[in-house]
Amino acid sequence: MGNLPQSILFCCDHNAVRSPMAEGLMKQRYGTDTYVQSVGVVNDLEIDGFAIAACKEVGVELSRHRSRSFDELEEEGEGLSSFDLIVALSPASQRRALDLTRYYHLTVEYWPIMDPTGMGEDRDIKLRAYRQTRDQITDQMARRFGPPSEAE
């Protein structure tokens, strides 16, 4: 599909794993041509340590990410209508995005990205699940936006 949107909002359930990973990966891979933000349906969790670790392996720094919800985004003056594309990474966030955008001509896409939380008992198995999620996101980005702007 190629062609990058000018602005993109990634959303998931808590803005603690999938959407911050997507935000960080998008910024790293496609540069600053696209304005990228992320939100959750609710903001009740801090950024996930395994998400930070899995992204650090590919040079994406998430430790300073501050989780926020759709409502907080609006309160901070960034209406959903200011985004060209909303990418939902969970069914709940897709429903919320569609609900909030029904009055706008906005594209909401759903990417079925695995939720790695609660998988596995030990650190290695957990980290493997988060890597899988990270790789699903990068694969989906390459399919949707074409190859990254510069070789990694």
C-alpha atoms as a PDB file:
ATOM      1  CA  MET A   1       0.000   0.000   0.000  1.00  0.00           C
ATOM      2  CA  GLY A   2       2.893   2.359   0.688  1.00  0.00           C
ATOM      3  CA  ASN A   3       2.175   6.079   1.113  1.00  0.00           C
ATOM      4  CA  LEU A   4       2.627   7.231   4.663  1.00  0.00           C
ATOM      5  CA  PRO A   5      -0.119   9.143   6.422  1.00  0.00           C
ATOM      6  CA  GLN A   6       0.893  12.564   7.751  1.00  0.00           C
ATOM      7  CA  SER A   7      -0.345  11.601  11.196  1.00  0.00           C
ATOM      8  CA  ILE A   8      -1.168   8.276  12.784  1.00  0.00           C
ATOM      9  CA  LEU A   9      -2.620   7.255  16.119  1.00  0.00           C
ATOM     10  CA  PHE A  10      -2.006   3.734  17.429  1.00  0.00           C
ATOM     11  CA  CYS A  11      -4.396   2.488  20.086  1.00  0.00           C
ATOM     12  CA  CYS A  12      -4.822  -0.594  22.257  1.00  0.00           C
ATOM     13  CA  ASP A  13      -6.392  -1.417  25.616  1.00  0.00           C
ATOM     14  CA  HIS A  14      -4.035   0.229  28.133  1.00  0.00           C
ATOM     15  CA  ASN A  15      -1.364   2.077  26.090  1.00  0.00           C
ATOM     16  CA  ALA A  16       1.185  -0.023  27.990  1.00  0.00           C
ATOM     17  CA  VAL A  17       2.340  -2.669  25.482  1.00  0.00           C
ATOM     18  CA  ARG A  18       1.120  -2.821  21.875  1.00  0.00           C
ATOM     19  CA  SER A  19       0.402   0.815  21.021  1.00  0.00           C
ATOM     20  CA  PRO A  20       3.572   2.282  22.610  1.00  0.00           C
ATOM     21  CA  MET A  21       5.588  -0.436  20.835  1.00  0.00           C
ATOM     22  CA  ALA A  22       3.913   0.543  17.565  1.00  0.00           C
ATOM     23  CA  GLU A  23       4.505   4.253  18.217  1.00  0.00           C
ATOM     24  CA  GLY A  24       8.212   3.715  18.940  1.00  0.00           C
ATOM     25  CA  LEU A  25       8.742   1.328  16.024  1.00  0.00           C
ATOM     26  CA  MET A  26       6.920   3.632  13.606  1.00  0.00           C
ATOM     27  CA  LYS A  27       9.037   6.625  14.640  1.00  0.00           C
ATOM     28  CA  GLN A  28      12.237   4.607  14.336  1.00  0.00           C
ATOM     29  CA  ARG A  29      11.433   2.969  11.020  1.00  0.00           C
ATOM     30  CA  TYR A  30       9.655   5.756   9.157  1.00  0.00           C
ATOM     31  CA  GLY A  31      11.322   8.812  10.642  1.00  0.00           C
ATOM     32  CA  THR A  32       9.736  12.131  11.380  1.00  0.00           C
ATOM     33  CA  ASP A  33       7.716  12.487   8.175  1.00  0.00           C
ATOM     34  CA  THR A  34       4.729  11.130  10.052  1.00  0.00           C
ATOM     35  CA  TYR A  35       3.415  12.513  13.347  1.00  0.00           C
ATOM     36  CA  VAL A  36       2.849   9.478  15.591  1.00  0.00           C
ATOM     37  CA  GLN A  37       1.025   9.148  18.926  1.00  0.00           C
ATOM     38  CA  SER A  38      -0.538   6.300  20.889  1.00  0.00           C
ATOM     39  CA  VAL A  39      -3.368   5.901  23.387  1.00  0.00           C
ATOM     40  CA  GLY A  40      -5.333   3.240  25.225  1.00  0.00           C
ATOM     41  CA  VAL A  41      -9.017   2.721  25.917  1.00  0.00           C
ATOM     42  CA  VAL A  42      -8.090   3.265  29.568  1.00  0.00           C
ATOM     43  CA  ASN A  43      -4.926   4.522  31.198  1.00  0.00           C
ATOM     44  CA  ASP A  44      -4.528   2.282  34.216  1.00  0.00           C
ATOM     45  CA  LEU A  45      -1.101   0.733  33.629  1.00  0.00           C
ATOM     46  CA  GLU A  46       2.436   2.030  33.308  1.00  0.00           C
ATOM     47  CA  ILE A  47       4.528   1.121  30.282  1.00  0.00           C
ATOM     48  CA  ASP A  48       5.306  -2.598  30.456  1.00  0.00           C
ATOM     49  CA  GLY A  49       8.900  -3.597  31.298  1.00  0.00           C
ATOM     50  CA  PHE A  50       8.913  -6.444  28.794  1.00  0.00           C
ATOM     51  CA  ALA A  51       7.704  -4.083  26.057  1.00  0.00           C
ATOM     52  CA  ILE A  52      10.633  -1.794  26.937  1.00  0.00           C
ATOM     53  CA  ALA A  53      13.078  -4.741  26.832  1.00  0.00           C
ATOM     54  CA  ALA A  54      11.801  -6.180  23.518  1.00  0.00           C
ATOM     55  CA  CYS A  55      11.981  -2.788  21.808  1.00  0.00           C
ATOM     56  CA  LYS A  56      15.386  -1.929  23.257  1.00  0.00           C
ATOM     57  CA  GLU A  57      16.739  -5.017  21.415  1.00  0.00           C
ATOM     58  CA  VAL A  58      15.942  -3.270  18.121  1.00  0.00           C
ATOM     59  CA  GLY A  59      17.112   0.154  19.247  1.00  0.00           C
ATOM     60  CA  VAL A  60      13.750   1.640  20.244  1.00  0.00           C
ATOM     61  CA  GLU A  61      13.665   3.416  23.608  1.00  0.00           C
ATOM     62  CA  LEU A  62      10.297   3.224  25.377  1.00  0.00           C
ATOM     63  CA  SER A  63      11.275   3.808  28.995  1.00  0.00           C
ATOM     64  CA  ARG A  64      10.094   7.433  28.952  1.00  0.00           C
ATOM     65  CA  HIS A  65       6.686   6.582  27.482  1.00  0.00           C
ATOM     66  CA  ARG A  66       3.783   7.991  29.470  1.00  0.00           C
ATOM     67  CA  SER A  67       0.548   6.040  29.070  1.00  0.00           C
ATOM     68  CA  ARG A  68      -2.620   7.941  28.250  1.00  0.00           C
ATOM     69  CA  SER A  69      -6.194   7.272  27.196  1.00  0.00           C
ATOM     70  CA  PHE A  70      -8.379   8.522  24.330  1.00  0.00           C
ATOM     71  CA  ASP A  71     -10.026  10.934  26.797  1.00  0.00           C
ATOM     72  CA  GLU A  72      -6.687  12.329  27.958  1.00  0.00           C
ATOM     73  CA  LEU A  73      -5.623  12.856  24.348  1.00  0.00           C
ATOM     74  CA  GLU A  74      -8.765  14.938  23.786  1.00  0.00           C
ATOM     75  CA  GLU A  75      -8.256  16.820  27.083  1.00  0.00           C
ATOM     76  CA  GLU A  76      -4.720  17.671  25.977  1.00  0.00           C
ATOM     77  CA  GLY A  77      -6.201  19.314  22.890  1.00  0.00           C
ATOM     78  CA  GLU A  78      -5.460  16.629  20.307  1.00  0.00           C
ATOM     79  CA  GLY A  79      -8.773  15.640  18.815  1.00  0.00           C
ATOM     80  CA  LEU A  80      -9.014  12.397  16.904  1.00  0.00           C
ATOM     81  CA  SER A  81     -10.009  14.415  13.850  1.00  0.00           C
ATOM     82  CA  SER A  82      -6.445  15.728  13.645  1.00  0.00           C
ATOM     83  CA  PHE A  83      -5.146  12.246  12.710  1.00  0.00           C
ATOM     84  CA  ASP A  84      -5.192  10.884   9.160  1.00  0.00           C
ATOM     85  CA  LEU A  85      -5.162   7.272  10.269  1.00  0.00           C
ATOM     86  CA  ILE A  86      -6.098   5.443  13.445  1.00  0.00           C
ATOM     87  CA  VAL A  87      -4.692   1.947  13.835  1.00  0.00           C
ATOM     88  CA  ALA A  88      -6.377  -0.192  16.469  1.00  0.00           C
ATOM     89  CA  LEU A  89      -4.302  -3.073  17.823  1.00  0.00           C
ATOM     90  CA  SER A  90      -7.039  -4.613  19.972  1.00  0.00           C
ATOM     91  CA  PRO A  91     -10.780  -5.228  19.464  1.00  0.00           C
ATOM     92  CA  ALA A  92     -11.751  -2.941  22.374  1.00  0.00           C
ATOM     93  CA  SER A  93      -9.691  -0.052  21.021  1.00  0.00           C
ATOM     94  CA  GLN A  94     -11.166  -0.587  17.556  1.00  0.00           C
ATOM     95  CA  ARG A  95     -14.696  -0.304  19.001  1.00  0.00           C
ATOM     96  CA  ARG A  96     -13.762   2.830  20.949  1.00  0.00           C
ATOM     97  CA  ALA A  97     -12.065   4.439  17.935  1.00  0.00           C
ATOM     98  CA  LEU A  98     -15.034   3.701  15.665  1.00  0.00           C
ATOM     99  CA  ASP A  99     -17.392   5.035  18.310  1.00  0.00           C
ATOM    100  CA  LEU A 100     -15.401   8.259  18.709  1.00  0.00           C
ATOM    101  CA  THR A 101     -14.890   8.822  14.978  1.00  0.00           C
ATOM    102  CA  ARG A 102     -18.350   8.110  13.623  1.00  0.00           C
ATOM    103  CA  TYR A 103     -18.826  11.850  12.918  1.00  0.00           C
ATOM    104  CA  TYR A 104     -15.484  12.250  11.144  1.00  0.00           C
ATOM    105  CA  HIS A 105     -14.274  10.963   7.812  1.00  0.00           C
ATOM    106  CA  LEU A 106     -11.443   9.050   9.399  1.00  0.00           C
ATOM    107  CA  THR A 107      -9.870   5.756   8.527  1.00  0.00           C
ATOM    108  CA  VAL A 108      -9.760   3.267  11.385  1.00  0.00           C
ATOM    109  CA  GLU A 109      -7.793   0.118  10.606  1.00  0.00           C
ATOM    110  CA  TYR A 110      -7.641  -2.960  12.779  1.00  0.00           C
ATOM    111  CA  TRP A 111      -4.360  -4.874  12.982  1.00  0.00           C
ATOM    112  CA  PRO A 112      -4.786  -8.173  14.873  1.00  0.00           C
ATOM    113  CA  ILE A 113      -1.695  -7.982  17.062  1.00  0.00           C
ATOM    114  CA  MET A 114      -1.187 -10.586  19.789  1.00  0.00           C
ATOM    115  CA  ASP A 115      -1.413  -9.414  23.402  1.00  0.00           C
ATOM    116  CA  PRO A 116       1.696 -10.911  25.042  1.00  0.00           C
ATOM    117  CA  THR A 117       0.753 -10.051  28.623  1.00  0.00           C
ATOM    118  CA  GLY A 118       0.237 -13.001  30.922  1.00  0.00           C
ATOM    119  CA  MET A 119       1.995 -15.453  28.609  1.00  0.00           C
ATOM    120  CA  GLY A 120       4.566 -17.798  30.058  1.00  0.00           C
ATOM    121  CA  GLU A 121       5.955 -18.099  33.561  1.00  0.00           C
ATOM    122  CA  ASP A 122       9.652 -17.378  33.286  1.00  0.00           C
ATOM    123  CA  ARG A 123      11.356 -14.298  31.888  1.00  0.00           C
ATOM    124  CA  ASP A 124      12.638 -15.956  28.688  1.00  0.00           C
ATOM    125  CA  ILE A 125       9.231 -17.254  27.656  1.00  0.00           C
ATOM    126  CA  LYS A 126       7.602 -13.899  28.442  1.00  0.00           C
ATOM    127  CA  LEU A 127      10.232 -11.996  26.492  1.00  0.00           C
ATOM    128  CA  ARG A 128       9.784 -14.345  23.538  1.00  0.00           C
ATOM    129  CA  ALA A 129       6.050 -13.482  23.483  1.00  0.00           C
ATOM    130  CA  TYR A 130       6.809  -9.744  23.518  1.00  0.00           C
ATOM    131  CA  ARG A 131       9.322 -10.181  20.704  1.00  0.00           C
ATOM    132  CA  GLN A 132       6.640 -11.970  18.719  1.00  0.00           C
ATOM    133  CA  THR A 133       4.280  -9.027  19.262  1.00  0.00           C
ATOM    134  CA  ARG A 134       7.013  -6.558  18.279  1.00  0.00           C
ATOM    135  CA  ASP A 135       7.731  -8.536  15.099  1.00  0.00           C
ATOM    136  CA  GLN A 136       4.031  -8.772  14.219  1.00  0.00           C
ATOM    137  CA  ILE A 137       3.846  -4.972  14.445  1.00  0.00           C
ATOM    138  CA  THR A 138       6.928  -4.424  12.247  1.00  0.00           C
ATOM    139  CA  ASP A 139       5.673  -6.967   9.680  1.00  0.00           C
ATOM    140  CA  GLN A 140       2.286  -5.249   9.552  1.00  0.00           C
ATOM    141  CA  MET A 141       3.966  -1.831   9.137  1.00  0.00           C
ATOM    142  CA  ALA A 142       6.065  -3.106   6.230  1.00  0.00           C
ATOM    143  CA  ARG A 143       2.932  -4.524   4.572  1.00  0.00           C
ATOM    144  CA  ARG A 144       0.972  -1.314   5.087  1.00  0.00           C
ATOM    145  CA  PHE A 145       3.595   1.403   4.565  1.00  0.00           C
ATOM    146  CA  GLY A 146       6.277  -0.344   2.511  1.00  0.00           C
ATOM    147  CA  PRO A 147       9.895  -0.846   3.590  1.00  0.00           C
ATOM    148  CA  PRO A 148      11.292   1.461   6.303  1.00  0.00           C
ATOM    149  CA  SER A 149      12.725   4.782   5.167  1.00  0.00           C
ATOM    150  CA  GLU A 150      16.297   3.701   5.896  1.00  0.00           C
ATOM    151  CA  ALA A 151      17.894   0.309   6.307  1.00  0.00           C
ATOM    152  CA  GLU A 152      18.218  -0.727   9.938  1.00  0.00           C
END
